[in-house]
Amino acid sequence: MRAVLTICALTVLVGCGGSKKPEPAPPPPTQKVIQPGAPGEPSREVVATPTPEGFRAQHVDAEFMMGMIHHHQQAVVMADWVPQRSQNTSITLMAKRMGVSQGDEINLMRSWLTKRGLDPDDHSHMHKAMPGMLTTQQLHKLQGARGKEFDRLFLRYMTRHHQGALTMVQELVDDGGGVEAEIEQFILHVGSDQTIEIERMQQMLGAL
């Protein structure tokens, strides 16, 4: 049963299922404003229009959160493999912290999406591979390794995975997202935390 669950997890983490794309929030109804005319002139109607950039930001924020949930889930699976395959205490402790912190962030992202009426399990937006994601072949290679071979693969793969997350953050900002206070705080945390972990993993890899 455990082997079946592992294979299912790998399939989900590499695949991009679903068919429905998250829709941006609809614009609010236009408001009619009557502007008084100058002395001797009639009043006129001014139609207020929404700012489209704001709705674009909401849409890319939602896509980012859904994609990052999927990205984090693969990292948690990788971290969960460490205790049974590595004898390196430092790597084991680091992987444990990663699993806990990314698990907490997954819960935060799911809550953010749910509060906005979106389904956190809808992966239909993932029409292209996300940066840093491991292929099925790479996941199987990591899962089958042991000892120092596993340690080297884990550090290399997780470093690449973290770098992919930083790329996703930058792409979000470039697309005009990440402006809302809650998501801005989240991406700042991801950027800082994963940059520090990348540096630490590179040091550990150099010491093997």
C-alpha atoms as a PDB file:
ATOM      1  CA  MET A   1       0.000   0.000   0.000  1.00  0.00           C
ATOM      2  CA  ARG A   2       2.857   2.411   0.890  1.00  0.00           C
ATOM      3  CA  ALA A   3       4.451   1.829  -2.528  1.00  0.00           C
ATOM      4  CA  VAL A   4       1.130   2.531  -4.265  1.00  0.00           C
ATOM      5  CA  LEU A   5       0.697   5.790  -2.359  1.00  0.00           C
ATOM      6  CA  THR A   6       4.233   6.859  -3.271  1.00  0.00           C
ATOM      7  CA  ILE A   7       3.675   6.199  -6.958  1.00  0.00           C
ATOM      8  CA  CYS A   8       0.373   8.107  -6.838  1.00  0.00           C
ATOM      9  CA  ALA A   9       2.090  11.020  -5.142  1.00  0.00           C
ATOM     10  CA  LEU A  10       4.785  11.111  -7.814  1.00  0.00           C
ATOM     11  CA  THR A  11       2.175  11.097 -10.563  1.00  0.00           C
ATOM     12  CA  VAL A  12       0.273  13.999  -9.002  1.00  0.00           C
ATOM     13  CA  LEU A  13       3.395  16.002  -8.276  1.00  0.00           C
ATOM     14  CA  VAL A  14       4.706  15.769 -11.828  1.00  0.00           C
ATOM     15  CA  GLY A  15       1.382  15.966 -13.688  1.00  0.00           C
ATOM     16  CA  CYS A  16      -0.699  19.028 -14.409  1.00  0.00           C
ATOM     17  CA  GLY A  17      -4.327  17.733 -14.303  1.00  0.00           C
ATOM     18  CA  GLY A  18      -7.558  19.650 -14.445  1.00  0.00           C
ATOM     19  CA  SER A  19      -9.322  21.503 -17.161  1.00  0.00           C
ATOM     20  CA  LYS A  20     -10.721  24.677 -15.664  1.00  0.00           C
ATOM     21  CA  LYS A  21      -8.659  27.857 -15.457  1.00  0.00           C
ATOM     22  CA  PRO A  22      -9.108  30.159 -12.444  1.00  0.00           C
ATOM     23  CA  GLU A  23     -11.098  33.168 -13.529  1.00  0.00           C
ATOM     24  CA  PRO A  24     -10.164  36.711 -12.558  1.00  0.00           C
ATOM     25  CA  ALA A  25     -12.581  38.528 -10.284  1.00  0.00           C
ATOM     26  CA  PRO A  26     -15.317  40.253 -12.327  1.00  0.00           C
ATOM     27  CA  PRO A  27     -15.129  44.041 -12.456  1.00  0.00           C
ATOM     28  CA  PRO A  28     -17.545  45.881 -10.199  1.00  0.00           C
ATOM     29  CA  PRO A  29     -20.558  47.491 -11.853  1.00  0.00           C
ATOM     30  CA  THR A  30     -19.907  50.904 -13.308  1.00  0.00           C
ATOM     31  CA  GLN A  31     -21.064  53.809 -11.169  1.00  0.00           C
ATOM     32  CA  LYS A  32     -22.827  56.890 -12.506  1.00  0.00           C
ATOM     33  CA  VAL A  33     -21.624  60.189 -11.124  1.00  0.00           C
ATOM     34  CA  ILE A  34     -23.349  63.492 -11.872  1.00  0.00           C
ATOM     35  CA  GLN A  35     -20.929  66.376 -12.195  1.00  0.00           C
ATOM     36  CA  PRO A  36     -22.503  69.839 -11.758  1.00  0.00           C
ATOM     37  CA  GLY A  37     -22.021  72.090 -14.747  1.00  0.00           C
ATOM     38  CA  ALA A  38     -20.537  75.555 -14.754  1.00  0.00           C
ATOM     39  CA  PRO A  39     -22.931  78.484 -14.165  1.00  0.00           C
ATOM     40  CA  GLY A  40     -25.456  78.497 -16.968  1.00  0.00           C
ATOM     41  CA  GLU A  41     -24.437  75.028 -18.210  1.00  0.00           C
ATOM     42  CA  PRO A  42     -26.225  71.685 -17.577  1.00  0.00           C
ATOM     43  CA  SER A  43     -24.867  68.948 -15.340  1.00  0.00           C
ATOM     44  CA  ARG A  44     -23.298  65.955 -17.055  1.00  0.00           C
ATOM     45  CA  GLU A  45     -22.926  62.294 -16.288  1.00  0.00           C
ATOM     46  CA  VAL A  46     -19.440  60.919 -15.591  1.00  0.00           C
ATOM     47  CA  VAL A  47     -19.060  57.131 -15.830  1.00  0.00           C
ATOM     48  CA  ALA A  48     -16.463  55.694 -13.456  1.00  0.00           C
ATOM     49  CA  THR A  49     -14.517  52.758 -14.879  1.00  0.00           C
ATOM     50  CA  PRO A  50     -12.447  50.176 -12.967  1.00  0.00           C
ATOM     51  CA  THR A  51      -8.673  50.006 -13.177  1.00  0.00           C
ATOM     52  CA  PRO A  52      -7.911  46.868 -15.227  1.00  0.00           C
ATOM     53  CA  GLU A  53      -4.418  46.449 -13.774  1.00  0.00           C
ATOM     54  CA  GLY A  54      -5.940  45.646 -10.394  1.00  0.00           C
ATOM     55  CA  PHE A  55      -7.950  42.755 -11.787  1.00  0.00           C
ATOM     56  CA  ARG A  56      -4.931  41.442 -13.711  1.00  0.00           C
ATOM     57  CA  ALA A  57      -2.977  41.436 -10.436  1.00  0.00           C
ATOM     58  CA  GLN A  58      -5.710  39.408  -8.707  1.00  0.00           C
ATOM     59  CA  HIS A  59      -5.629  36.840 -11.505  1.00  0.00           C
ATOM     60  CA  VAL A  60      -1.850  36.362 -11.556  1.00  0.00           C
ATOM     61  CA  ASP A  61      -1.792  36.228  -7.747  1.00  0.00           C
ATOM     62  CA  ALA A  62      -4.268  33.331  -7.800  1.00  0.00           C
ATOM     63  CA  GLU A  63      -2.307  31.492 -10.502  1.00  0.00           C
ATOM     64  CA  PHE A  64       0.891  31.987  -8.522  1.00  0.00           C
ATOM     65  CA  MET A  65      -0.605  30.636  -5.293  1.00  0.00           C
ATOM     66  CA  MET A  66      -2.068  27.555  -6.997  1.00  0.00           C
ATOM     67  CA  GLY A  67       1.207  26.852  -8.766  1.00  0.00           C
ATOM     68  CA  MET A  68       3.287  27.368  -5.635  1.00  0.00           C
ATOM     69  CA  ILE A  69       1.106  24.904  -3.700  1.00  0.00           C
ATOM     70  CA  HIS A  70       1.960  22.253  -6.300  1.00  0.00           C
ATOM     71  CA  HIS A  71       5.630  23.305  -6.201  1.00  0.00           C
ATOM     72  CA  HIS A  72       5.781  23.104  -2.394  1.00  0.00           C
ATOM     73  CA  GLN A  73       4.078  19.694  -2.359  1.00  0.00           C
ATOM     74  CA  GLN A  74       6.911  18.186  -4.372  1.00  0.00           C
ATOM     75  CA  ALA A  75       9.483  19.710  -2.021  1.00  0.00           C
ATOM     76  CA  VAL A  76       7.666  18.205   0.994  1.00  0.00           C
ATOM     77  CA  VAL A  77       7.763  14.750  -0.619  1.00  0.00           C
ATOM     78  CA  MET A  78      11.498  15.104  -1.249  1.00  0.00           C
ATOM     79  CA  ALA A  79      12.127  16.253   2.321  1.00  0.00           C
ATOM     80  CA  ASP A  80      10.097  13.336   3.718  1.00  0.00           C
ATOM     81  CA  TRP A  81      12.427  10.872   1.980  1.00  0.00           C
ATOM     82  CA  VAL A  82      15.540  12.128   3.780  1.00  0.00           C
ATOM     83  CA  PRO A  83      15.343  10.377   7.190  1.00  0.00           C
ATOM     84  CA  GLN A  84      15.205   6.885   5.624  1.00  0.00           C
ATOM     85  CA  ARG A  85      17.972   7.502   3.090  1.00  0.00           C
ATOM     86  CA  SER A  86      20.569   9.838   4.610  1.00  0.00           C
ATOM     87  CA  GLN A  87      22.983   9.367   7.485  1.00  0.00           C
ATOM     88  CA  ASN A  88      23.912  13.052   7.446  1.00  0.00           C
ATOM     89  CA  THR A  89      22.482  14.726  10.554  1.00  0.00           C
ATOM     90  CA  SER A  90      22.738  18.247   9.139  1.00  0.00           C
ATOM     91  CA  ILE A  91      20.848  17.336   5.972  1.00  0.00           C
ATOM     92  CA  THR A  92      18.230  15.455   7.977  1.00  0.00           C
ATOM     93  CA  LEU A  93      17.592  18.407  10.289  1.00  0.00           C
ATOM     94  CA  MET A  94      17.452  20.858   7.391  1.00  0.00           C
ATOM     95  CA  ALA A  95      15.006  18.651   5.487  1.00  0.00           C
ATOM     96  CA  LYS A  96      12.793  18.399   8.566  1.00  0.00           C
ATOM     97  CA  ARG A  97      12.656  22.202   8.841  1.00  0.00           C
ATOM     98  CA  MET A  98      11.887  22.462   5.130  1.00  0.00           C
ATOM     99  CA  GLY A  99       9.035  19.993   5.397  1.00  0.00           C
ATOM    100  CA  VAL A 100       7.471  21.830   8.335  1.00  0.00           C
ATOM    101  CA  SER A 101       7.878  25.346   6.912  1.00  0.00           C
ATOM    102  CA  GLN A 102       6.641  24.450   3.424  1.00  0.00           C
ATOM    103  CA  GLY A 103       3.749  22.479   4.885  1.00  0.00           C
ATOM    104  CA  ASP A 104       2.717  25.561   6.871  1.00  0.00           C
ATOM    105  CA  GLU A 105       3.007  27.694   3.740  1.00  0.00           C
ATOM    106  CA  ILE A 106       0.810  25.265   1.806  1.00  0.00           C
ATOM    107  CA  ASN A 107      -1.893  25.696   4.460  1.00  0.00           C
ATOM    108  CA  LEU A 108      -1.525  29.480   4.233  1.00  0.00           C
ATOM    109  CA  MET A 109      -1.848  29.452   0.435  1.00  0.00           C
ATOM    110  CA  ARG A 110      -4.861  27.133   0.516  1.00  0.00           C
ATOM    111  CA  SER A 111      -6.543  29.444   3.016  1.00  0.00           C
ATOM    112  CA  TRP A 112      -5.763  32.503   0.854  1.00  0.00           C
ATOM    113  CA  LEU A 113      -7.388  30.886  -2.173  1.00  0.00           C
ATOM    114  CA  THR A 114     -10.396  29.542  -0.272  1.00  0.00           C
ATOM    115  CA  LYS A 115     -11.157  32.979   1.171  1.00  0.00           C
ATOM    116  CA  ARG A 116     -11.355  34.260  -2.399  1.00  0.00           C
ATOM    117  CA  GLY A 117     -13.742  31.559  -3.556  1.00  0.00           C
ATOM    118  CA  LEU A 118     -11.124  29.544  -5.476  1.00  0.00           C
ATOM    119  CA  ASP A 119     -10.442  25.820  -5.338  1.00  0.00           C
ATOM    120  CA  PRO A 120      -6.885  25.163  -4.012  1.00  0.00           C
ATOM    121  CA  ASP A 121      -6.910  21.741  -5.682  1.00  0.00           C
ATOM    122  CA  ASP A 122      -7.568  23.103  -9.170  1.00  0.00           C
ATOM    123  CA  HIS A 123      -4.330  22.589 -11.089  1.00  0.00           C
ATOM    124  CA  SER A 124      -5.788  23.400 -14.503  1.00  0.00           C
ATOM    125  CA  HIS A 125      -3.800  26.630 -14.751  1.00  0.00           C
ATOM    126  CA  MET A 126      -0.539  24.663 -14.909  1.00  0.00           C
ATOM    127  CA  HIS A 127      -0.327  24.546 -18.698  1.00  0.00           C
ATOM    128  CA  LYS A 128       3.466  24.597 -18.632  1.00  0.00           C
ATOM    129  CA  ALA A 129       6.160  23.112 -16.432  1.00  0.00           C
ATOM    130  CA  MET A 130       7.036  25.229 -13.412  1.00  0.00           C
ATOM    131  CA  PRO A 131      10.711  26.130 -12.938  1.00  0.00           C
ATOM    132  CA  GLY A 132      12.663  23.824 -10.665  1.00  0.00           C
ATOM    133  CA  MET A 133      10.161  20.946 -10.695  1.00  0.00           C
ATOM    134  CA  LEU A 134      11.712  17.481 -10.889  1.00  0.00           C
ATOM    135  CA  THR A 135      10.678  15.072 -13.610  1.00  0.00           C
ATOM    136  CA  THR A 136       9.281  11.632 -12.805  1.00  0.00           C
ATOM    137  CA  GLN A 137      12.658  10.117 -13.745  1.00  0.00           C
ATOM    138  CA  GLN A 138      14.533  12.438 -11.376  1.00  0.00           C
ATOM    139  CA  LEU A 139      12.122  11.709  -8.539  1.00  0.00           C
ATOM    140  CA  HIS A 140      12.576   7.970  -8.987  1.00  0.00           C
ATOM    141  CA  LYS A 141      16.354   8.394  -9.103  1.00  0.00           C
ATOM    142  CA  LEU A 142      16.306  10.340  -5.838  1.00  0.00           C
ATOM    143  CA  GLN A 143      13.917   7.898  -4.190  1.00  0.00           C
ATOM    144  CA  GLY A 144      16.153   4.964  -5.084  1.00  0.00           C
ATOM    145  CA  ALA A 145      19.429   6.483  -3.830  1.00  0.00           C
ATOM    146  CA  ARG A 146      20.989   5.947  -0.404  1.00  0.00           C
ATOM    147  CA  GLY A 147      23.773   7.438   1.706  1.00  0.00           C
ATOM    148  CA  LYS A 148      26.083  10.009   0.149  1.00  0.00           C
ATOM    149  CA  GLU A 149      24.657   9.401  -3.318  1.00  0.00           C
ATOM    150  CA  PHE A 150      21.250  10.428  -1.977  1.00  0.00           C
ATOM    151  CA  ASP A 151      22.728  13.412  -0.113  1.00  0.00           C
ATOM    152  CA  ARG A 152      24.340  14.803  -3.269  1.00  0.00           C
ATOM    153  CA  LEU A 153      21.226  14.299  -5.366  1.00  0.00           C
ATOM    154  CA  PHE A 154      18.974  15.781  -2.704  1.00  0.00           C
ATOM    155  CA  LEU A 155      21.081  18.910  -2.284  1.00  0.00           C
ATOM    156  CA  ARG A 156      21.403  19.434  -6.048  1.00  0.00           C
ATOM    157  CA  TYR A 157      17.743  18.790  -6.774  1.00  0.00           C
ATOM    158  CA  MET A 158      16.437  20.830  -3.844  1.00  0.00           C
ATOM    159  CA  THR A 159      18.742  23.736  -4.710  1.00  0.00           C
ATOM    160  CA  ARG A 160      17.342  23.710  -8.247  1.00  0.00           C
ATOM    161  CA  HIS A 161      13.830  23.427  -6.808  1.00  0.00           C
ATOM    162  CA  HIS A 162      14.374  26.471  -4.558  1.00  0.00           C
ATOM    163  CA  GLN A 163      15.832  28.462  -7.444  1.00  0.00           C
ATOM    164  CA  GLY A 164      12.689  27.648  -9.390  1.00  0.00           C
ATOM    165  CA  ALA A 165      10.550  29.054  -6.583  1.00  0.00           C
ATOM    166  CA  LEU A 166      12.550  32.294  -6.662  1.00  0.00           C
ATOM    167  CA  THR A 167      11.975  32.458 -10.430  1.00  0.00           C
ATOM    168  CA  MET A 168       8.229  32.065  -9.859  1.00  0.00           C
ATOM    169  CA  VAL A 169       8.281  34.935  -7.369  1.00  0.00           C
ATOM    170  CA  GLN A 170      10.122  37.170  -9.830  1.00  0.00           C
ATOM    171  CA  GLU A 171       7.717  36.250 -12.635  1.00  0.00           C
ATOM    172  CA  LEU A 172       4.788  37.178 -10.385  1.00  0.00           C
ATOM    173  CA  VAL A 173       6.265  40.607  -9.709  1.00  0.00           C
ATOM    174  CA  ASP A 174       7.083  41.103 -13.398  1.00  0.00           C
ATOM    175  CA  ASP A 175       3.441  40.319 -14.257  1.00  0.00           C
ATOM    176  CA  GLY A 176       2.202  43.022 -11.888  1.00  0.00           C
ATOM    177  CA  GLY A 177       1.199  40.732  -9.032  1.00  0.00           C
ATOM    178  CA  GLY A 178       2.298  40.526  -5.416  1.00  0.00           C
ATOM    179  CA  VAL A 179       0.929  43.972  -4.582  1.00  0.00           C
ATOM    180  CA  GLU A 180      -1.712  42.904  -2.057  1.00  0.00           C
ATOM    181  CA  ALA A 181      -0.280  43.162   1.469  1.00  0.00           C
ATOM    182  CA  GLU A 182      -0.836  39.510   2.409  1.00  0.00           C
ATOM    183  CA  ILE A 183       0.730  38.047  -0.713  1.00  0.00           C
ATOM    184  CA  GLU A 184       3.536  40.621  -0.692  1.00  0.00           C
ATOM    185  CA  GLN A 185       4.507  39.504   2.804  1.00  0.00           C
ATOM    186  CA  PHE A 186       4.352  35.883   1.696  1.00  0.00           C
ATOM    187  CA  ILE A 187       6.635  36.283  -1.329  1.00  0.00           C
ATOM    188  CA  LEU A 188       9.125  38.316   0.706  1.00  0.00           C
ATOM    189  CA  HIS A 189       9.283  35.436   3.187  1.00  0.00           C
ATOM    190  CA  VAL A 190       9.688  32.845   0.427  1.00  0.00           C
ATOM    191  CA  GLY A 191      12.436  34.866  -1.213  1.00  0.00           C
ATOM    192  CA  SER A 192      14.395  35.374   1.995  1.00  0.00           C
ATOM    193  CA  ASP A 193      13.928  31.861   3.393  1.00  0.00           C
ATOM    194  CA  GLN A 194      14.768  29.972   0.218  1.00  0.00           C
ATOM    195  CA  THR A 195      17.762  32.173  -0.618  1.00  0.00           C
ATOM    196  CA  ILE A 196      19.257  31.368   2.785  1.00  0.00           C
ATOM    197  CA  GLU A 197      18.570  27.645   2.300  1.00  0.00           C
ATOM    198  CA  ILE A 198      20.165  27.669  -1.161  1.00  0.00           C
ATOM    199  CA  GLU A 199      23.360  29.122   0.302  1.00  0.00           C
ATOM    200  CA  ARG A 200      23.316  26.546   3.103  1.00  0.00           C
ATOM    201  CA  MET A 201      22.791  23.629   0.689  1.00  0.00           C
ATOM    202  CA  GLN A 202      25.626  24.785  -1.546  1.00  0.00           C
ATOM    203  CA  GLN A 203      27.926  24.843   1.473  1.00  0.00           C
ATOM    204  CA  MET A 204      26.823  21.358   2.520  1.00  0.00           C
ATOM    205  CA  LEU A 205      27.286  20.000  -1.010  1.00  0.00           C
ATOM    206  CA  GLY A 206      30.798  21.419  -1.119  1.00  0.00           C
ATOM    207  CA  ALA A 207      31.624  19.629   2.141  1.00  0.00           C
ATOM    208  CA  LEU A 208      30.555  16.154   0.938  1.00  0.00           C
END
